[in-house]
Amino acid sequence: MIRFGPAGLGGAKEAVHSLEEYHKKGISACEIAFTYGVYLKEEDAVEIGKAAKSLGIKLSIHAPYWINLNSAERRKVEESRKRILDCCKIGSLLGAYLVVFHPGYYGKMGKEETYQNIKREIINIVKEIKKRGWKINIAAETTGKVNVFGSVDEILRLVNETGCSFCIDILEKFKSHGDIHIHFSGIEYGEKGEKRHIITPESEIKELLKNLQKNVSKSKEITIINESPNPLGDSIKAIRIFKKI
């Protein structure tokens, strides 16, 4: 099964209505963006989660951008860990299955030292999630920037060594793993990698869907979250293309 959905749900007041509108348009996934912090109250999360479940919309969360599990400052690492766990707490009330996050930056550290620091913190976070009985996992996201931790091989190694999940832009090396969570949009590149998201070209959507159908078992569930400047419109466009294919 392939689910399509946008990155972003909006504020708490309009969330249930937005989910109802998404459902009418054939949307079956949504990633709630806690870009600048967790903005939902616990009671709102419960209500939104119930609505999403009744509508068959699978929820995930994108953790705040201010996360660096490899900071040289211990306070920043602790704050980053707390931000991820806060997302997991609300996510468990939402019935979300995944919290996506960018693990960190290299800074002045080497790649292996950075990896080991991030691995240690993720193991501790996974242990805390299990301790609290939350039915949710965390997903380290691949990155397209040269100074940011998160190459395909680094994320794959984290998945294999920590038990965390993954959010990918490149499929090949992950196709033997479980269900797949993908961020997708058009991207403008510069000298240092990704510059910004742009509207998703139809040709790229077609290429993605053909690759998924060719390389991924039909028994797996695939969630495709669109992060373009028009995530809902591009998700609807992807659904239309998928039906034709």
C-alpha atoms as a PDB file:
ATOM      1  CA  MET A   1       0.000   0.000   0.000  1.00  0.00           C
ATOM      2  CA  ILE A   2       1.208   3.501  -0.796  1.00  0.00           C
ATOM      3  CA  ARG A   3      -0.045   6.427   1.275  1.00  0.00           C
ATOM      4  CA  PHE A   4       0.308  10.024   0.129  1.00  0.00           C
ATOM      5  CA  GLY A   5       0.126  13.099   2.311  1.00  0.00           C
ATOM      6  CA  PRO A   6       1.423  16.592   3.005  1.00  0.00           C
ATOM      7  CA  ALA A   7       3.924  17.905   5.496  1.00  0.00           C
ATOM      8  CA  GLY A   8       1.874  20.163   7.757  1.00  0.00           C
ATOM      9  CA  LEU A   9      -1.561  20.104   9.340  1.00  0.00           C
ATOM     10  CA  GLY A  10      -1.950  23.634  10.650  1.00  0.00           C
ATOM     11  CA  GLY A  11      -3.132  24.794  14.060  1.00  0.00           C
ATOM     12  CA  ALA A  12      -5.079  22.791  16.609  1.00  0.00           C
ATOM     13  CA  LYS A  13      -8.386  24.571  15.971  1.00  0.00           C
ATOM     14  CA  GLU A  14      -8.561  23.685  12.284  1.00  0.00           C
ATOM     15  CA  ALA A  15      -6.761  20.318  12.479  1.00  0.00           C
ATOM     16  CA  VAL A  16      -9.812  18.027  12.528  1.00  0.00           C
ATOM     17  CA  HIS A  17     -11.468  19.969   9.697  1.00  0.00           C
ATOM     18  CA  SER A  18      -8.225  19.804   7.700  1.00  0.00           C
ATOM     19  CA  LEU A  19      -8.080  16.036   8.172  1.00  0.00           C
ATOM     20  CA  GLU A  20     -11.666  15.721   6.955  1.00  0.00           C
ATOM     21  CA  GLU A  21     -10.804  17.764   3.856  1.00  0.00           C
ATOM     22  CA  TYR A  22      -7.664  15.681   3.277  1.00  0.00           C
ATOM     23  CA  HIS A  23      -9.760  12.515   3.448  1.00  0.00           C
ATOM     24  CA  LYS A  24     -12.171  13.835   0.814  1.00  0.00           C
ATOM     25  CA  LYS A  25      -9.202  14.428  -1.514  1.00  0.00           C
ATOM     26  CA  GLY A  26      -7.869  10.885  -1.102  1.00  0.00           C
ATOM     27  CA  ILE A  27      -5.073  11.802   1.324  1.00  0.00           C
ATOM     28  CA  SER A  28      -4.178   8.935   3.679  1.00  0.00           C
ATOM     29  CA  ALA A  29      -1.105  10.310   5.494  1.00  0.00           C
ATOM     30  CA  CYS A  30      -0.052  13.552   7.149  1.00  0.00           C
ATOM     31  CA  GLU A  31       3.130  14.668   8.862  1.00  0.00           C
ATOM     32  CA  ILE A  32       2.574  17.222  11.618  1.00  0.00           C
ATOM     33  CA  ALA A  33       5.392  19.757  11.560  1.00  0.00           C
ATOM     34  CA  PHE A  34       6.631  20.780  15.001  1.00  0.00           C
ATOM     35  CA  THR A  35       9.202  22.953  13.241  1.00  0.00           C
ATOM     36  CA  TYR A  36       9.568  25.459  16.072  1.00  0.00           C
ATOM     37  CA  GLY A  37       8.349  23.310  18.932  1.00  0.00           C
ATOM     38  CA  VAL A  38       5.454  21.102  20.040  1.00  0.00           C
ATOM     39  CA  TYR A  39       2.400  23.347  19.681  1.00  0.00           C
ATOM     40  CA  LEU A  40      -0.406  20.884  20.466  1.00  0.00           C
ATOM     41  CA  LYS A  41      -1.896  20.451  23.927  1.00  0.00           C
ATOM     42  CA  GLU A  42      -2.452  16.916  25.164  1.00  0.00           C
ATOM     43  CA  GLU A  43      -6.252  17.121  24.952  1.00  0.00           C
ATOM     44  CA  ASP A  44      -6.027  18.464  21.379  1.00  0.00           C
ATOM     45  CA  ALA A  45      -3.662  15.658  20.412  1.00  0.00           C
ATOM     46  CA  VAL A  46      -6.128  13.037  21.632  1.00  0.00           C
ATOM     47  CA  GLU A  47      -8.998  14.597  19.644  1.00  0.00           C
ATOM     48  CA  ILE A  48      -6.902  14.954  16.482  1.00  0.00           C
ATOM     49  CA  GLY A  49      -5.623  11.412  16.828  1.00  0.00           C
ATOM     50  CA  LYS A  50      -9.140   9.999  17.089  1.00  0.00           C
ATOM     51  CA  ALA A  51     -10.216  11.921  13.990  1.00  0.00           C
ATOM     52  CA  ALA A  52      -7.194  10.758  11.991  1.00  0.00           C
ATOM     53  CA  LYS A  53      -7.810   7.121  12.950  1.00  0.00           C
ATOM     54  CA  SER A  54     -11.491   7.291  11.996  1.00  0.00           C
ATOM     55  CA  LEU A  55     -10.562   8.796   8.611  1.00  0.00           C
ATOM     56  CA  GLY A  56      -7.809   6.293   7.912  1.00  0.00           C
ATOM     57  CA  ILE A  57      -5.071   8.940   7.893  1.00  0.00           C
ATOM     58  CA  LYS A  58      -1.690   7.780   9.166  1.00  0.00           C
ATOM     59  CA  LEU A  59       0.067  10.443  11.235  1.00  0.00           C
ATOM     60  CA  SER A  60       3.758  11.126  11.675  1.00  0.00           C
ATOM     61  CA  ILE A  61       5.646  14.031  13.230  1.00  0.00           C
ATOM     62  CA  HIS A  62       8.614  16.110  12.156  1.00  0.00           C
ATOM     63  CA  ALA A  63      10.611  17.180  15.206  1.00  0.00           C
ATOM     64  CA  PRO A  64      11.930  20.756  15.582  1.00  0.00           C
ATOM     65  CA  TYR A  65      14.868  21.815  13.457  1.00  0.00           C
ATOM     66  CA  TRP A  66      16.841  22.884  16.553  1.00  0.00           C
ATOM     67  CA  ILE A  67      18.253  19.434  17.187  1.00  0.00           C
ATOM     68  CA  ASN A  68      21.927  18.555  17.376  1.00  0.00           C
ATOM     69  CA  LEU A  69      22.821  15.327  19.146  1.00  0.00           C
ATOM     70  CA  ASN A  70      26.481  16.009  18.386  1.00  0.00           C
ATOM     71  CA  SER A  71      26.852  19.476  19.893  1.00  0.00           C
ATOM     72  CA  ALA A  72      30.054  20.228  21.782  1.00  0.00           C
ATOM     73  CA  GLU A  73      27.798  21.840  24.420  1.00  0.00           C
ATOM     74  CA  ARG A  74      26.176  19.202  26.633  1.00  0.00           C
ATOM     75  CA  ARG A  75      23.212  21.489  27.378  1.00  0.00           C
ATOM     76  CA  LYS A  76      22.308  21.603  23.682  1.00  0.00           C
ATOM     77  CA  VAL A  77      22.445  17.816  23.422  1.00  0.00           C
ATOM     78  CA  GLU A  78      20.137  17.483  26.438  1.00  0.00           C
ATOM     79  CA  GLU A  79      17.736  20.061  24.985  1.00  0.00           C
ATOM     80  CA  SER A  80      17.761  18.204  21.661  1.00  0.00           C
ATOM     81  CA  ARG A  81      16.969  14.915  23.387  1.00  0.00           C
ATOM     82  CA  LYS A  82      14.101  16.567  25.258  1.00  0.00           C
ATOM     83  CA  ARG A  83      12.632  18.004  22.045  1.00  0.00           C
ATOM     84  CA  ILE A  84      12.559  14.539  20.475  1.00  0.00           C
ATOM     85  CA  LEU A  85      11.001  12.969  23.585  1.00  0.00           C
ATOM     86  CA  ASP A  86       8.399  15.758  23.810  1.00  0.00           C
ATOM     87  CA  CYS A  87       7.411  14.909  20.234  1.00  0.00           C
ATOM     88  CA  CYS A  88       7.182  11.235  21.146  1.00  0.00           C
ATOM     89  CA  LYS A  89       4.936  12.011  24.116  1.00  0.00           C
ATOM     90  CA  ILE A  90       2.466  14.025  22.030  1.00  0.00           C
ATOM     91  CA  GLY A  91       2.872  11.569  19.178  1.00  0.00           C
ATOM     92  CA  SER A  92       1.745   8.701  21.373  1.00  0.00           C
ATOM     93  CA  LEU A  93      -1.445  10.645  22.177  1.00  0.00           C
ATOM     94  CA  LEU A  94      -1.949  11.392  18.488  1.00  0.00           C
ATOM     95  CA  GLY A  95      -1.508   7.759  17.572  1.00  0.00           C
ATOM     96  CA  ALA A  96       1.386   8.799  15.329  1.00  0.00           C
ATOM     97  CA  TYR A  97       3.741   6.002  14.413  1.00  0.00           C
ATOM     98  CA  LEU A  98       6.928   7.957  13.765  1.00  0.00           C
ATOM     99  CA  VAL A  99       8.890  11.054  14.787  1.00  0.00           C
ATOM    100  CA  VAL A 100      11.256  12.194  12.039  1.00  0.00           C
ATOM    101  CA  PHE A 101      14.305  14.247  13.032  1.00  0.00           C
ATOM    102  CA  HIS A 102      17.629  15.510  11.707  1.00  0.00           C
ATOM    103  CA  PRO A 103      20.282  13.991  14.010  1.00  0.00           C
ATOM    104  CA  GLY A 104      22.893  16.753  14.004  1.00  0.00           C
ATOM    105  CA  TYR A 105      25.938  18.420  12.518  1.00  0.00           C
ATOM    106  CA  TYR A 106      29.600  17.472  12.231  1.00  0.00           C
ATOM    107  CA  GLY A 107      30.888  20.771  13.578  1.00  0.00           C
ATOM    108  CA  LYS A 108      34.614  20.398  14.253  1.00  0.00           C
ATOM    109  CA  MET A 109      34.360  16.660  14.916  1.00  0.00           C
ATOM    110  CA  GLY A 110      35.286  13.877  12.544  1.00  0.00           C
ATOM    111  CA  LYS A 111      32.642  11.688  10.926  1.00  0.00           C
ATOM    112  CA  GLU A 112      33.214   8.629  13.106  1.00  0.00           C
ATOM    113  CA  GLU A 113      33.239  10.621  16.361  1.00  0.00           C
ATOM    114  CA  THR A 114      30.049  12.361  15.247  1.00  0.00           C
ATOM    115  CA  TYR A 115      28.453   9.024  14.413  1.00  0.00           C
ATOM    116  CA  GLN A 116      29.311   7.497  17.788  1.00  0.00           C
ATOM    117  CA  ASN A 117      27.974  10.529  19.685  1.00  0.00           C
ATOM    118  CA  ILE A 118      24.689  10.474  17.782  1.00  0.00           C
ATOM    119  CA  LYS A 119      24.388   6.699  18.066  1.00  0.00           C
ATOM    120  CA  ARG A 120      24.773   6.893  21.866  1.00  0.00           C
ATOM    121  CA  GLU A 121      22.059   9.520  22.185  1.00  0.00           C
ATOM    122  CA  ILE A 122      19.640   7.647  19.922  1.00  0.00           C
ATOM    123  CA  ILE A 123      20.099   4.447  21.911  1.00  0.00           C
ATOM    124  CA  ASN A 124      19.252   6.382  25.098  1.00  0.00           C
ATOM    125  CA  ILE A 125      16.169   7.934  23.468  1.00  0.00           C
ATOM    126  CA  VAL A 126      14.934   4.546  22.218  1.00  0.00           C
ATOM    127  CA  LYS A 127      15.380   3.120  25.725  1.00  0.00           C
ATOM    128  CA  GLU A 128      13.372   5.999  27.213  1.00  0.00           C
ATOM    129  CA  ILE A 129      10.553   5.494  24.700  1.00  0.00           C
ATOM    130  CA  LYS A 130      10.320   1.819  25.642  1.00  0.00           C
ATOM    131  CA  LYS A 131      10.509   2.658  29.356  1.00  0.00           C
ATOM    132  CA  ARG A 132       7.521   4.999  29.051  1.00  0.00           C
ATOM    133  CA  GLY A 133       5.541   2.509  27.001  1.00  0.00           C
ATOM    134  CA  TRP A 134       5.014   4.817  24.028  1.00  0.00           C
ATOM    135  CA  LYS A 135       3.999   3.003  20.839  1.00  0.00           C
ATOM    136  CA  ILE A 136       6.080   5.161  18.539  1.00  0.00           C
ATOM    137  CA  ASN A 137       9.493   5.074  16.905  1.00  0.00           C
ATOM    138  CA  ILE A 138      11.994   7.748  15.928  1.00  0.00           C
ATOM    139  CA  ALA A 139      13.296   8.076  12.382  1.00  0.00           C
ATOM    140  CA  ALA A 140      16.650   9.616  11.549  1.00  0.00           C
ATOM    141  CA  GLU A 141      16.375  11.495   8.256  1.00  0.00           C
ATOM    142  CA  THR A 142      18.853  11.491   5.411  1.00  0.00           C
ATOM    143  CA  THR A 143      20.192  14.878   4.386  1.00  0.00           C
ATOM    144  CA  GLY A 144      21.386  16.415   1.160  1.00  0.00           C
ATOM    145  CA  LYS A 145      23.772  18.947   2.718  1.00  0.00           C
ATOM    146  CA  VAL A 146      27.511  18.399   2.926  1.00  0.00           C
ATOM    147  CA  ASN A 147      28.039  19.777   6.469  1.00  0.00           C
ATOM    148  CA  VAL A 148      25.098  17.954   8.040  1.00  0.00           C
ATOM    149  CA  PHE A 149      25.227  14.418   9.423  1.00  0.00           C
ATOM    150  CA  GLY A 150      22.894  12.034   7.636  1.00  0.00           C
ATOM    151  CA  SER A 151      24.290  10.415   4.523  1.00  0.00           C
ATOM    152  CA  VAL A 152      22.462   7.324   3.311  1.00  0.00           C
ATOM    153  CA  ASP A 153      25.189   5.057   4.702  1.00  0.00           C
ATOM    154  CA  GLU A 154      25.241   6.866   8.070  1.00  0.00           C
ATOM    155  CA  ILE A 155      21.472   6.541   8.504  1.00  0.00           C
ATOM    156  CA  LEU A 156      21.517   2.899   7.410  1.00  0.00           C
ATOM    157  CA  ARG A 157      24.224   2.186   9.986  1.00  0.00           C
ATOM    158  CA  LEU A 158      22.173   3.909  12.706  1.00  0.00           C
ATOM    159  CA  VAL A 159      19.119   1.838  11.805  1.00  0.00           C
ATOM    160  CA  ASN A 160      21.132  -1.375  12.007  1.00  0.00           C
ATOM    161  CA  GLU A 161      22.918  -0.496  15.254  1.00  0.00           C
ATOM    162  CA  THR A 162      20.291   1.359  17.325  1.00  0.00           C
ATOM    163  CA  GLY A 163      16.890   0.013  16.339  1.00  0.00           C
ATOM    164  CA  CYS A 164      15.657   3.447  15.258  1.00  0.00           C
ATOM    165  CA  SER A 165      13.709   3.818  12.026  1.00  0.00           C
ATOM    166  CA  PHE A 166      14.517   5.951   8.983  1.00  0.00           C
ATOM    167  CA  CYS A 167      13.179   8.630   6.695  1.00  0.00           C
ATOM    168  CA  ILE A 168      14.788   8.565   3.288  1.00  0.00           C
ATOM    169  CA  ASP A 169      15.099  10.346  -0.021  1.00  0.00           C
ATOM    170  CA  ILE A 170      16.995   7.415  -1.601  1.00  0.00           C
ATOM    171  CA  LEU A 171      15.510   3.954  -1.609  1.00  0.00           C
ATOM    172  CA  GLU A 172      17.949   1.350  -2.874  1.00  0.00           C
ATOM    173  CA  LYS A 173      19.914   0.532   0.297  1.00  0.00           C
ATOM    174  CA  PHE A 174      16.823   0.458   2.533  1.00  0.00           C
ATOM    175  CA  LYS A 175      14.503  -1.742   0.500  1.00  0.00           C
ATOM    176  CA  SER A 176      15.294  -4.855   2.581  1.00  0.00           C
ATOM    177  CA  HIS A 177      14.058  -3.129   5.761  1.00  0.00           C
ATOM    178  CA  GLY A 178      10.481  -2.743   6.981  1.00  0.00           C
ATOM    179  CA  ASP A 179       7.794  -0.266   5.971  1.00  0.00           C
ATOM    180  CA  ILE A 180       9.154   2.844   4.288  1.00  0.00           C
ATOM    181  CA  HIS A 181       8.696   6.536   5.149  1.00  0.00           C
ATOM    182  CA  ILE A 182       9.776   8.954   2.428  1.00  0.00           C
ATOM    183  CA  HIS A 183      10.031  12.740   2.213  1.00  0.00           C
ATOM    184  CA  PHE A 184       9.640  13.887  -1.360  1.00  0.00           C
ATOM    185  CA  SER A 185       9.510  17.149  -3.290  1.00  0.00           C
ATOM    186  CA  GLY A 186      11.250  19.006  -6.062  1.00  0.00           C
ATOM    187  CA  ILE A 187      14.635  20.276  -4.888  1.00  0.00           C
ATOM    188  CA  GLU A 188      16.915  23.063  -6.067  1.00  0.00           C
ATOM    189  CA  TYR A 189      20.591  22.261  -5.550  1.00  0.00           C
ATOM    190  CA  GLY A 190      23.607  24.509  -5.035  1.00  0.00           C
ATOM    191  CA  GLU A 191      27.317  23.964  -4.434  1.00  0.00           C
ATOM    192  CA  LYS A 192      26.725  22.768  -0.851  1.00  0.00           C
ATOM    193  CA  GLY A 193      23.840  20.438  -1.685  1.00  0.00           C
ATOM    194  CA  GLU A 194      20.136  21.140  -1.188  1.00  0.00           C
ATOM    195  CA  LYS A 195      19.141  24.817  -1.302  1.00  0.00           C
ATOM    196  CA  ARG A 196      15.360  24.723  -1.079  1.00  0.00           C
ATOM    197  CA  HIS A 197      12.253  22.720  -1.866  1.00  0.00           C
ATOM    198  CA  ILE A 198      10.349  23.550  -5.033  1.00  0.00           C
ATOM    199  CA  ILE A 199       7.102  22.345  -6.627  1.00  0.00           C
ATOM    200  CA  THR A 200       7.437  18.655  -7.467  1.00  0.00           C
ATOM    201  CA  PRO A 201       7.724  17.992 -11.220  1.00  0.00           C
ATOM    202  CA  GLU A 202       5.349  15.318 -12.548  1.00  0.00           C
ATOM    203  CA  SER A 203       8.292  13.547 -14.165  1.00  0.00           C
ATOM    204  CA  GLU A 204       9.955  13.052 -10.765  1.00  0.00           C
ATOM    205  CA  ILE A 205       6.740  11.741  -9.213  1.00  0.00           C
ATOM    206  CA  LYS A 206       6.400   9.220 -12.043  1.00  0.00           C
ATOM    207  CA  GLU A 207      10.019   8.141 -11.629  1.00  0.00           C
ATOM    208  CA  LEU A 208       9.593   7.678  -7.871  1.00  0.00           C
ATOM    209  CA  LEU A 209       6.416   5.618  -8.221  1.00  0.00           C
ATOM    210  CA  LYS A 210       7.895   3.403 -10.926  1.00  0.00           C
ATOM    211  CA  ASN A 211      10.969   2.751  -8.772  1.00  0.00           C
ATOM    212  CA  LEU A 212       8.809   1.925  -5.759  1.00  0.00           C
ATOM    213  CA  GLN A 213       6.686  -0.504  -7.731  1.00  0.00           C
ATOM    214  CA  LYS A 214       9.795  -2.125  -9.184  1.00  0.00           C
ATOM    215  CA  ASN A 215      11.912  -2.381  -6.028  1.00  0.00           C
ATOM    216  CA  VAL A 216       9.567  -2.629  -3.029  1.00  0.00           C
ATOM    217  CA  SER A 217       7.501  -5.645  -2.030  1.00  0.00           C
ATOM    218  CA  LYS A 218       3.750  -5.132  -2.329  1.00  0.00           C
ATOM    219  CA  SER A 219       3.400  -6.394   1.255  1.00  0.00           C
ATOM    220  CA  LYS A 220       5.149  -3.278   2.594  1.00  0.00           C
ATOM    221  CA  GLU A 221       3.428  -0.030   3.450  1.00  0.00           C
ATOM    222  CA  ILE A 222       4.987   3.079   1.955  1.00  0.00           C
ATOM    223  CA  THR A 223       4.242   6.579   3.243  1.00  0.00           C
ATOM    224  CA  ILE A 224       5.202   9.468   0.959  1.00  0.00           C
ATOM    225  CA  ILE A 225       5.163  12.896   2.620  1.00  0.00           C
ATOM    226  CA  ASN A 226       5.456  15.847   0.269  1.00  0.00           C
ATOM    227  CA  GLU A 227       7.537  18.812   1.469  1.00  0.00           C
ATOM    228  CA  SER A 228       7.196  21.169  -1.499  1.00  0.00           C
ATOM    229  CA  PRO A 229       5.870  24.750  -1.116  1.00  0.00           C
ATOM    230  CA  ASN A 230       2.454  23.240  -1.984  1.00  0.00           C
ATOM    231  CA  PRO A 231       2.508  19.908  -0.128  1.00  0.00           C
ATOM    232  CA  LEU A 232      -1.230  19.239  -0.335  1.00  0.00           C
ATOM    233  CA  GLY A 233      -1.475  20.096  -4.020  1.00  0.00           C
ATOM    234  CA  ASP A 234       1.564  17.974  -4.881  1.00  0.00           C
ATOM    235  CA  SER A 235       0.216  15.067  -2.815  1.00  0.00           C
ATOM    236  CA  ILE A 236      -3.055  15.203  -4.741  1.00  0.00           C
ATOM    237  CA  LYS A 237      -1.061  15.355  -7.980  1.00  0.00           C
ATOM    238  CA  ALA A 238       0.877  12.251  -6.913  1.00  0.00           C
ATOM    239  CA  ILE A 239      -2.362  10.378  -6.157  1.00  0.00           C
ATOM    240  CA  ARG A 240      -3.687  11.239  -9.628  1.00  0.00           C
ATOM    241  CA  ILE A 241      -0.461  10.026 -11.277  1.00  0.00           C
ATOM    242  CA  PHE A 242      -0.396   6.859  -9.159  1.00  0.00           C
ATOM    243  CA  LYS A 243      -3.956   5.952 -10.208  1.00  0.00           C
ATOM    244  CA  LYS A 244      -2.971   6.311 -13.862  1.00  0.00           C
ATOM    245  CA  ILE A 245       0.122   4.165 -13.423  1.00  0.00           C
END
